[in-house]
Amino acid sequence: MGVIKGVAREAALFLVLCYNNGYGYFVCFGENLMELWVVLAIVAAVLMALGVFFDNYITDVFFKGKLPQSRKVFSGPGYLIAALMVALVFGLQAITVGGALWLVAAGAIFGLSLIPYYIALAKDESTDVAIVEQLSPIFYLGWGWWLLHSEVSVLHLVAIAILMAAPALIILSSHKRSQKTRLKMVGLMLIKVAMGTLANTLIVEVAPEIDFITMMFYVMIGRGLVDVALAVWFKAWRKRFKYVMRRGGLKAWIAIVTDFVVWLGHEFVNYSALIIAPAMAMASAITKTLMPISVFLLGVVFTILWPSFGREKLDRKTVLVHLVATVLAVVGIILMQTA
C-alpha cells in the first residue's frame, strides 16, 4: 500500500508540478510542447462548459425545474468520499488549524453558491447562465480591492461596463413576458458569482502555503459538510431527490454521477492551472475567455446532434444575441486581465 501511495503521489506531482530547468516554466512530456498550465486552463474551460450543460439537462429533464438544489443530497456524500480517497491515496501535508478551517469555510461558501446557480438553470438556458457567469472578473476585482487592497484602474471600469453589457443585452432582447424571468436568473447568478469568487479568493490566500492535494482535500471537506448539513436540514430536498432518482432510474443515476465527475475533474484541473501558471491571472484569463465560447459552440452542436441535451434555441435572433453577448464577455474579460 505504501508503494502504491508513493507512486500515485509522484504521478500527481509530476502532472501538477512539472518543472523545466528551474526557470518557472511548467512543461510536461518534452520541452517542445505547450506549457502544461495552458493545456490545463483550456481543458478546465471545456469541462466547465460540459458541466453547465449537464446541470441544465438534469435540472430540466429529471427535476423538471422543481427543487433542483436537492441534488446536494448526492453531492454532499460524494465530496466527502472524494476527499477521503484523495487523503488515502496521496496523503496530506500538515497545516495549521486556522489554515484548515479557512479552506473548509471557503469550500462551504462555494457549496452554498450553487443553490442560486441550480435555481437559475431552472429558469433559463445554459448559454444565458454561462454568459452571466463571466461577470466573475468584476467580483474578483471587487474582492481584491476590499480584501487584498488591489488597485482599480480606468481600464478596469471600461471592462466592467463591457461585461455588464452582455447580460443586459440578453435581458433587453427577450420578450417583455420573459424579461422578468431573466432578471431573476441574472440576480440569482450574481449571488452565485459573488459567493463563488469570494470562496476562490479565500482559497488563493492560503494556497501558496500548502500543497495542491491538501488544499483540495479541505475544500472538498467544506463542500461536502455544507451539502450534507443542508440535506439533513431540508426534508423536502431529500424527498424530492428520492422521488426523482426513483422515477428516473438508471438514466438519472448515470447523469448525476457523470455530472459530478465532470465538475470534480474541472475543479482539479482548474486549480492545478491556477497554481502552476506563472501568474494566476494568466490561467484565469484563458479559462474565462474560452468558457463562453465553449458553451456557445457546444450549445449549437448539442442542440443539432442531441436536442434533448443541448435544448438551445437556434433561431437567427437568439443565435445572434448569444454570439454578440459572448463576444462582449470575451472582450471584457481580456480587458480586465490586461488592465
Protein backbone atom coordinates (compact mmCIF):
# COMPACT_ATOMS: atom_id res chain seq x y z
CA MET A 1 0.00 0.00 0.00
CA GLY A 2 2.88 2.33 0.79
CA VAL A 3 4.41 1.73 -2.65
CA ILE A 4 1.08 2.45 -4.37
CA LYS A 5 0.64 5.68 -2.40
CA GLY A 6 4.19 6.74 -3.24
CA VAL A 7 3.79 6.08 -6.96
CA ALA A 8 0.39 7.78 -7.08
CA ARG A 9 1.65 10.86 -5.27
CA GLU A 10 4.71 11.13 -7.51
CA ALA A 11 2.47 10.82 -10.60
CA ALA A 12 0.22 13.58 -9.30
CA LEU A 13 3.17 15.82 -8.51
CA PHE A 14 4.53 15.16 -12.00
CA LEU A 15 1.30 16.34 -13.56
CA VAL A 16 0.80 19.26 -11.20
CA LEU A 17 4.34 20.47 -10.66
CA CYS A 18 6.26 19.62 -13.87
CA TYR A 19 9.27 21.89 -13.66
CA ASN A 20 11.61 22.66 -16.54
CA ASN A 21 15.20 23.80 -15.93
CA GLY A 22 14.20 25.70 -12.80
CA TYR A 23 13.01 28.78 -14.68
CA GLY A 24 9.38 28.52 -13.60
CA TYR A 25 8.06 27.12 -16.87
CA PHE A 26 5.82 24.14 -16.30
CA VAL A 27 6.29 21.79 -19.25
CA CYS A 28 5.46 18.07 -19.39
CA PHE A 29 6.45 15.37 -21.85
CA GLY A 30 9.18 17.38 -23.55
CA GLU A 31 10.48 20.92 -23.97
CA ASN A 32 8.83 21.46 -27.38
CA LEU A 33 5.25 21.04 -26.15
CA MET A 34 2.93 23.78 -24.95
CA GLU A 35 3.24 24.67 -21.28
CA LEU A 36 1.13 22.40 -19.12
CA TRP A 37 -0.78 25.18 -17.40
CA VAL A 38 -2.08 26.43 -20.76
CA VAL A 39 -3.37 22.95 -21.63
CA LEU A 40 -4.96 22.63 -18.19
CA ALA A 41 -6.65 26.04 -18.49
CA ILE A 42 -8.15 25.04 -21.86
CA VAL A 43 -9.34 21.68 -20.51
CA ALA A 44 -10.85 23.45 -17.47
CA ALA A 45 -12.89 25.71 -19.76
CA VAL A 46 -14.25 22.79 -21.79
CA LEU A 47 -15.09 20.77 -18.66
CA MET A 48 -16.86 23.78 -17.15
CA ALA A 49 -18.94 24.20 -20.31
CA LEU A 50 -19.84 20.50 -20.28
CA GLY A 51 -20.76 20.76 -16.60
CA VAL A 52 -23.18 23.62 -17.31
CA PHE A 53 -24.96 21.57 -19.97
CA PHE A 54 -25.16 18.51 -17.71
CA ASP A 55 -26.56 20.68 -14.91
CA ASN A 56 -29.16 22.22 -17.20
CA TYR A 57 -30.12 18.81 -18.60
CA ILE A 58 -30.53 17.27 -15.15
CA THR A 59 -32.44 20.29 -13.84
CA ASP A 60 -34.95 20.33 -16.69
CA VAL A 61 -35.30 16.66 -17.65
CA PHE A 62 -35.21 14.94 -14.27
CA PHE A 63 -36.08 17.62 -11.69
CA LYS A 64 -38.47 19.48 -14.03
CA GLY A 65 -37.23 22.75 -12.51
CA LYS A 66 -38.57 21.85 -9.06
CA LEU A 67 -36.04 21.96 -6.19
CA PRO A 68 -33.01 21.28 -8.44
CA GLN A 69 -30.79 22.16 -5.46
CA SER A 70 -31.89 18.88 -3.84
CA ARG A 71 -29.06 17.33 -5.86
CA LYS A 72 -26.92 18.24 -2.89
CA VAL A 73 -28.31 15.11 -1.21
CA PHE A 74 -25.90 13.27 -3.55
CA SER A 75 -23.04 15.77 -3.86
CA GLY A 76 -22.53 16.06 -0.08
CA PRO A 77 -21.52 12.43 0.50
CA GLY A 78 -19.85 12.48 -2.93
CA TYR A 79 -17.38 15.22 -1.96
CA LEU A 80 -16.67 13.66 1.43
CA ILE A 81 -15.89 10.30 -0.22
CA ALA A 82 -13.73 12.03 -2.84
CA ALA A 83 -11.82 13.86 -0.09
CA LEU A 84 -11.25 10.61 1.79
CA MET A 85 -9.95 8.91 -1.36
CA VAL A 86 -7.55 11.81 -2.01
CA ALA A 87 -6.22 11.60 1.55
CA LEU A 88 -5.74 7.81 1.41
CA VAL A 89 -4.05 7.78 -1.99
CA PHE A 90 -1.89 10.89 -1.88
CA GLY A 91 -1.50 11.70 1.82
CA LEU A 92 -1.78 15.17 3.31
CA GLN A 93 0.58 17.92 4.37
CA ALA A 94 0.32 19.07 7.98
CA ILE A 95 -1.18 22.56 8.19
CA THR A 96 -2.37 24.84 10.97
CA VAL A 97 -5.88 24.55 12.38
CA GLY A 98 -6.57 28.08 11.19
CA GLY A 99 -5.48 27.24 7.64
CA ALA A 100 -7.64 24.10 7.60
CA LEU A 101 -10.71 25.97 8.87
CA TRP A 102 -10.08 28.74 6.34
CA LEU A 103 -10.15 26.26 3.44
CA VAL A 104 -13.14 24.38 4.84
CA ALA A 105 -15.01 27.69 5.11
CA ALA A 106 -14.09 28.56 1.52
CA GLY A 107 -15.37 25.18 0.35
CA ALA A 108 -18.60 25.67 2.31
CA ILE A 109 -19.17 29.12 0.76
CA PHE A 110 -18.64 27.70 -2.71
CA GLY A 111 -21.07 24.88 -1.96
CA LEU A 112 -23.72 27.37 -0.83
CA SER A 113 -23.18 29.41 -4.01
CA LEU A 114 -24.52 26.53 -6.11
CA ILE A 115 -28.04 26.85 -4.65
CA PRO A 116 -28.86 30.04 -6.64
CA TYR A 117 -26.99 28.54 -9.62
CA TYR A 118 -29.25 25.48 -9.80
CA ILE A 119 -32.36 27.64 -9.41
CA ALA A 120 -31.13 29.96 -12.19
CA LEU A 121 -30.65 27.00 -14.53
CA ALA A 122 -34.28 26.06 -13.95
CA LYS A 123 -35.29 29.49 -15.24
CA ASP A 124 -33.14 29.92 -18.35
CA GLU A 125 -30.86 28.33 -20.94
CA SER A 126 -27.29 27.13 -20.40
CA THR A 127 -25.82 29.80 -22.70
CA ASP A 128 -27.54 32.68 -20.89
CA VAL A 129 -26.46 31.39 -17.48
CA ALA A 130 -22.88 30.89 -18.68
CA ILE A 131 -22.69 34.44 -20.03
CA VAL A 132 -23.72 35.89 -16.66
CA GLU A 133 -21.09 33.63 -15.07
CA GLN A 134 -18.49 35.66 -16.99
CA LEU A 135 -19.13 38.61 -14.68
CA SER A 136 -16.81 36.90 -12.19
CA PRO A 137 -13.79 39.14 -13.03
CA ILE A 138 -15.80 42.10 -11.71
CA PHE A 139 -16.25 40.39 -8.37
CA TYR A 140 -12.63 39.20 -8.30
CA LEU A 141 -11.65 42.83 -8.79
CA GLY A 142 -14.01 43.91 -6.00
CA TRP A 143 -12.86 41.26 -3.53
CA GLY A 144 -9.24 42.02 -4.44
CA TRP A 145 -9.77 45.73 -3.82
CA TRP A 146 -11.55 45.13 -0.50
CA LEU A 147 -9.59 42.19 0.92
CA LEU A 148 -6.21 42.43 -0.81
CA HIS A 149 -6.09 46.21 -1.39
CA SER A 150 -5.63 45.81 -5.17
CA GLU A 151 -5.73 48.88 -7.39
CA VAL A 152 -8.63 49.67 -9.74
CA SER A 153 -7.80 51.48 -12.98
CA VAL A 154 -9.89 53.27 -15.62
CA LEU A 155 -9.39 50.28 -17.95
CA HIS A 156 -10.92 48.07 -15.26
CA LEU A 157 -14.02 50.28 -15.24
CA VAL A 158 -14.26 50.11 -19.05
CA ALA A 159 -14.01 46.29 -18.86
CA ILE A 160 -16.77 46.23 -16.22
CA ALA A 161 -19.06 48.27 -18.48
CA ILE A 162 -18.46 45.87 -21.40
CA LEU A 163 -19.04 42.81 -19.21
CA MET A 164 -22.28 44.24 -17.83
CA ALA A 165 -23.48 44.86 -21.38
CA ALA A 166 -23.58 41.09 -22.08
CA PRO A 167 -26.37 40.12 -19.61
CA ALA A 168 -28.12 43.45 -20.31
CA LEU A 169 -28.28 42.50 -23.99
CA ILE A 170 -29.81 39.11 -23.14
CA ILE A 171 -32.49 40.70 -20.95
CA LEU A 172 -33.38 43.51 -23.36
CA SER A 173 -33.53 41.19 -26.38
CA SER A 174 -36.10 38.91 -24.77
CA HIS A 175 -39.87 39.34 -24.94
CA LYS A 176 -41.42 41.52 -22.25
CA ARG A 177 -43.14 38.48 -20.72
CA SER A 178 -39.81 36.69 -20.23
CA GLN A 179 -37.76 39.73 -19.13
CA LYS A 180 -38.88 39.30 -15.52
CA THR A 181 -37.76 35.67 -15.52
CA ARG A 182 -34.40 36.59 -16.99
CA LEU A 183 -33.95 39.37 -14.46
CA LYS A 184 -34.47 36.77 -11.72
CA MET A 185 -31.92 34.49 -13.42
CA VAL A 186 -29.37 37.30 -13.58
CA GLY A 187 -29.99 38.20 -9.94
CA LEU A 188 -29.53 34.58 -8.84
CA MET A 189 -26.35 34.23 -10.88
CA LEU A 190 -24.93 37.47 -9.44
CA ILE A 191 -25.36 35.95 -5.96
CA LYS A 192 -23.72 32.73 -7.15
CA VAL A 193 -20.79 34.54 -8.78
CA ALA A 194 -20.26 36.81 -5.75
CA MET A 195 -20.10 33.84 -3.37
CA GLY A 196 -18.01 31.69 -5.72
CA THR A 197 -15.41 34.38 -6.33
CA LEU A 198 -15.21 35.10 -2.59
CA ALA A 199 -14.54 31.41 -1.94
CA ASN A 200 -11.80 31.28 -4.59
CA THR A 201 -10.24 34.48 -3.23
CA LEU A 202 -10.05 32.89 0.22
CA ILE A 203 -8.52 29.75 -1.28
CA VAL A 204 -5.88 31.74 -3.15
CA GLU A 205 -4.86 33.43 0.09
CA VAL A 206 -3.90 30.07 1.65
CA ALA A 207 -2.86 28.06 -1.44
CA PRO A 208 0.78 29.28 -1.60
CA GLU A 209 1.41 27.95 1.91
CA ILE A 210 0.32 24.34 1.29
CA ASP A 211 0.46 21.72 -1.43
CA PHE A 212 -2.27 21.27 -4.01
CA ILE A 213 -3.58 17.92 -2.73
CA THR A 214 -4.00 19.19 0.83
CA MET A 215 -5.78 22.30 -0.40
CA MET A 216 -8.26 20.27 -2.47
CA PHE A 217 -8.88 17.91 0.47
CA TYR A 218 -10.03 20.65 2.85
CA VAL A 219 -12.04 22.46 0.15
CA MET A 220 -13.90 19.23 -0.66
CA ILE A 221 -14.48 18.62 3.05
CA GLY A 222 -16.09 22.05 3.32
CA ARG A 223 -18.30 21.46 0.29
CA GLY A 224 -19.29 18.00 1.49
CA LEU A 225 -20.12 19.10 5.03
CA VAL A 226 -22.31 22.03 3.97
CA ASP A 227 -24.17 19.89 1.43
CA VAL A 228 -24.80 17.13 3.98
CA ALA A 229 -25.98 19.71 6.53
CA LEU A 230 -28.39 21.24 4.00
CA ALA A 231 -29.72 17.81 3.02
CA VAL A 232 -30.33 16.94 6.68
CA TRP A 233 -31.99 20.30 7.39
CA PHE A 234 -34.33 20.36 4.39
CA LYS A 235 -36.57 17.32 4.41
CA ALA A 236 -38.20 18.47 1.15
CA TRP A 237 -34.85 18.15 -0.62
CA ARG A 238 -34.45 14.54 0.49
CA LYS A 239 -37.99 13.67 -0.60
CA ARG A 240 -37.55 15.38 -3.97
CA PHE A 241 -34.20 13.72 -4.68
CA LYS A 242 -35.54 10.29 -3.72
CA TYR A 243 -38.59 10.75 -5.95
CA VAL A 244 -36.54 11.98 -8.94
CA MET A 245 -33.97 9.18 -8.74
CA ARG A 246 -36.64 6.53 -8.31
CA ARG A 247 -38.59 7.93 -11.27
CA GLY A 248 -35.52 8.47 -13.45
CA GLY A 249 -33.93 5.12 -12.67
CA LEU A 250 -30.52 4.18 -14.08
CA LYS A 251 -30.59 7.03 -16.60
CA ALA A 252 -30.88 9.59 -13.81
CA TRP A 253 -28.08 8.00 -11.79
CA ILE A 254 -25.77 7.94 -14.81
CA ALA A 255 -26.47 11.63 -15.47
CA ILE A 256 -25.94 12.64 -11.81
CA VAL A 257 -22.71 10.67 -11.40
CA THR A 258 -21.30 11.82 -14.77
CA ASP A 259 -22.06 15.44 -13.90
CA PHE A 260 -20.36 15.06 -10.51
CA VAL A 261 -17.25 13.54 -12.11
CA VAL A 262 -17.11 16.29 -14.76
CA TRP A 263 -17.25 19.07 -12.14
CA LEU A 264 -14.78 17.29 -9.86
CA GLY A 265 -12.40 16.97 -12.80
CA HIS A 266 -12.90 20.64 -13.62
CA GLU A 267 -12.02 21.70 -10.08
CA PHE A 268 -8.81 19.65 -10.00
CA VAL A 269 -7.73 20.82 -13.46
CA ASN A 270 -8.70 24.46 -12.87
CA TYR A 271 -6.93 24.78 -9.52
CA SER A 272 -3.89 22.99 -10.99
CA ALA A 273 -3.72 25.57 -13.78
CA LEU A 274 -4.14 28.49 -11.36
CA ILE A 275 -1.39 27.24 -9.07
CA ILE A 276 1.27 26.26 -11.62
CA ALA A 277 0.79 29.18 -14.04
CA PRO A 278 3.42 31.95 -13.93
CA ALA A 279 0.57 34.22 -12.82
CA MET A 280 -2.93 33.19 -11.72
CA ALA A 281 -4.46 35.91 -13.88
CA MET A 282 -2.98 34.30 -16.99
CA ALA A 283 -4.63 30.92 -16.37
CA SER A 284 -7.87 32.55 -15.28
CA ALA A 285 -7.93 34.69 -18.43
CA ILE A 286 -7.65 31.63 -20.70
CA THR A 287 -10.32 29.66 -18.86
CA LYS A 288 -12.78 32.55 -18.54
CA THR A 289 -12.24 33.61 -22.15
CA LEU A 290 -12.74 30.15 -23.62
CA MET A 291 -15.64 29.15 -21.36
CA PRO A 292 -18.39 31.31 -23.01
CA ILE A 293 -17.05 30.37 -26.45
CA SER A 294 -17.17 26.68 -25.49
CA VAL A 295 -20.71 26.99 -24.15
CA PHE A 296 -21.91 28.81 -27.26
CA LEU A 297 -20.35 26.31 -29.68
CA LEU A 298 -21.35 23.25 -27.65
CA GLY A 299 -24.88 24.64 -27.36
CA VAL A 300 -25.19 24.74 -31.14
CA VAL A 301 -23.58 21.31 -31.65
CA PHE A 302 -25.53 19.56 -28.88
CA THR A 303 -28.84 21.04 -29.97
CA ILE A 304 -28.30 19.76 -33.53
CA LEU A 305 -26.92 16.32 -32.63
CA TRP A 306 -28.66 15.72 -29.28
CA PRO A 307 -31.63 18.10 -28.92
CA SER A 308 -32.74 16.72 -25.53
CA PHE A 309 -29.28 17.57 -24.09
CA GLY A 310 -28.48 20.87 -25.80
CA ARG A 311 -32.00 22.32 -25.95
CA GLU A 312 -30.83 25.75 -27.13
CA LYS A 313 -32.98 27.93 -29.38
CA LEU A 314 -31.29 28.14 -32.78
CA ASP A 315 -33.42 30.79 -34.45
CA ARG A 316 -31.49 33.62 -36.10
CA LYS A 317 -32.23 36.26 -33.45
CA THR A 318 -31.30 34.06 -30.46
CA VAL A 319 -28.05 32.84 -32.05
CA LEU A 320 -27.07 36.42 -32.98
CA VAL A 321 -27.81 37.71 -29.46
CA HIS A 322 -25.82 34.90 -27.86
CA LEU A 323 -22.95 35.43 -30.28
CA VAL A 324 -22.76 39.19 -29.57
CA ALA A 325 -23.11 38.63 -25.81
CA THR A 326 -20.33 36.03 -25.94
CA VAL A 327 -18.07 38.43 -27.82
CA LEU A 328 -18.78 41.18 -25.26
CA ALA A 329 -17.96 38.78 -22.41
CA VAL A 330 -14.70 37.71 -24.05
CA VAL A 331 -13.61 41.30 -24.79
CA GLY A 332 -14.47 42.38 -21.24
CA ILE A 333 -12.52 39.50 -19.71
CA ILE A 334 -9.47 40.20 -21.85
CA LEU A 335 -9.53 43.89 -20.92
CA MET A 336 -9.99 43.02 -17.24
CA GLN A 337 -6.99 40.68 -17.27
CA THR A 338 -4.71 43.07 -19.18
CA ALA A 339 -5.61 46.19 -17.17
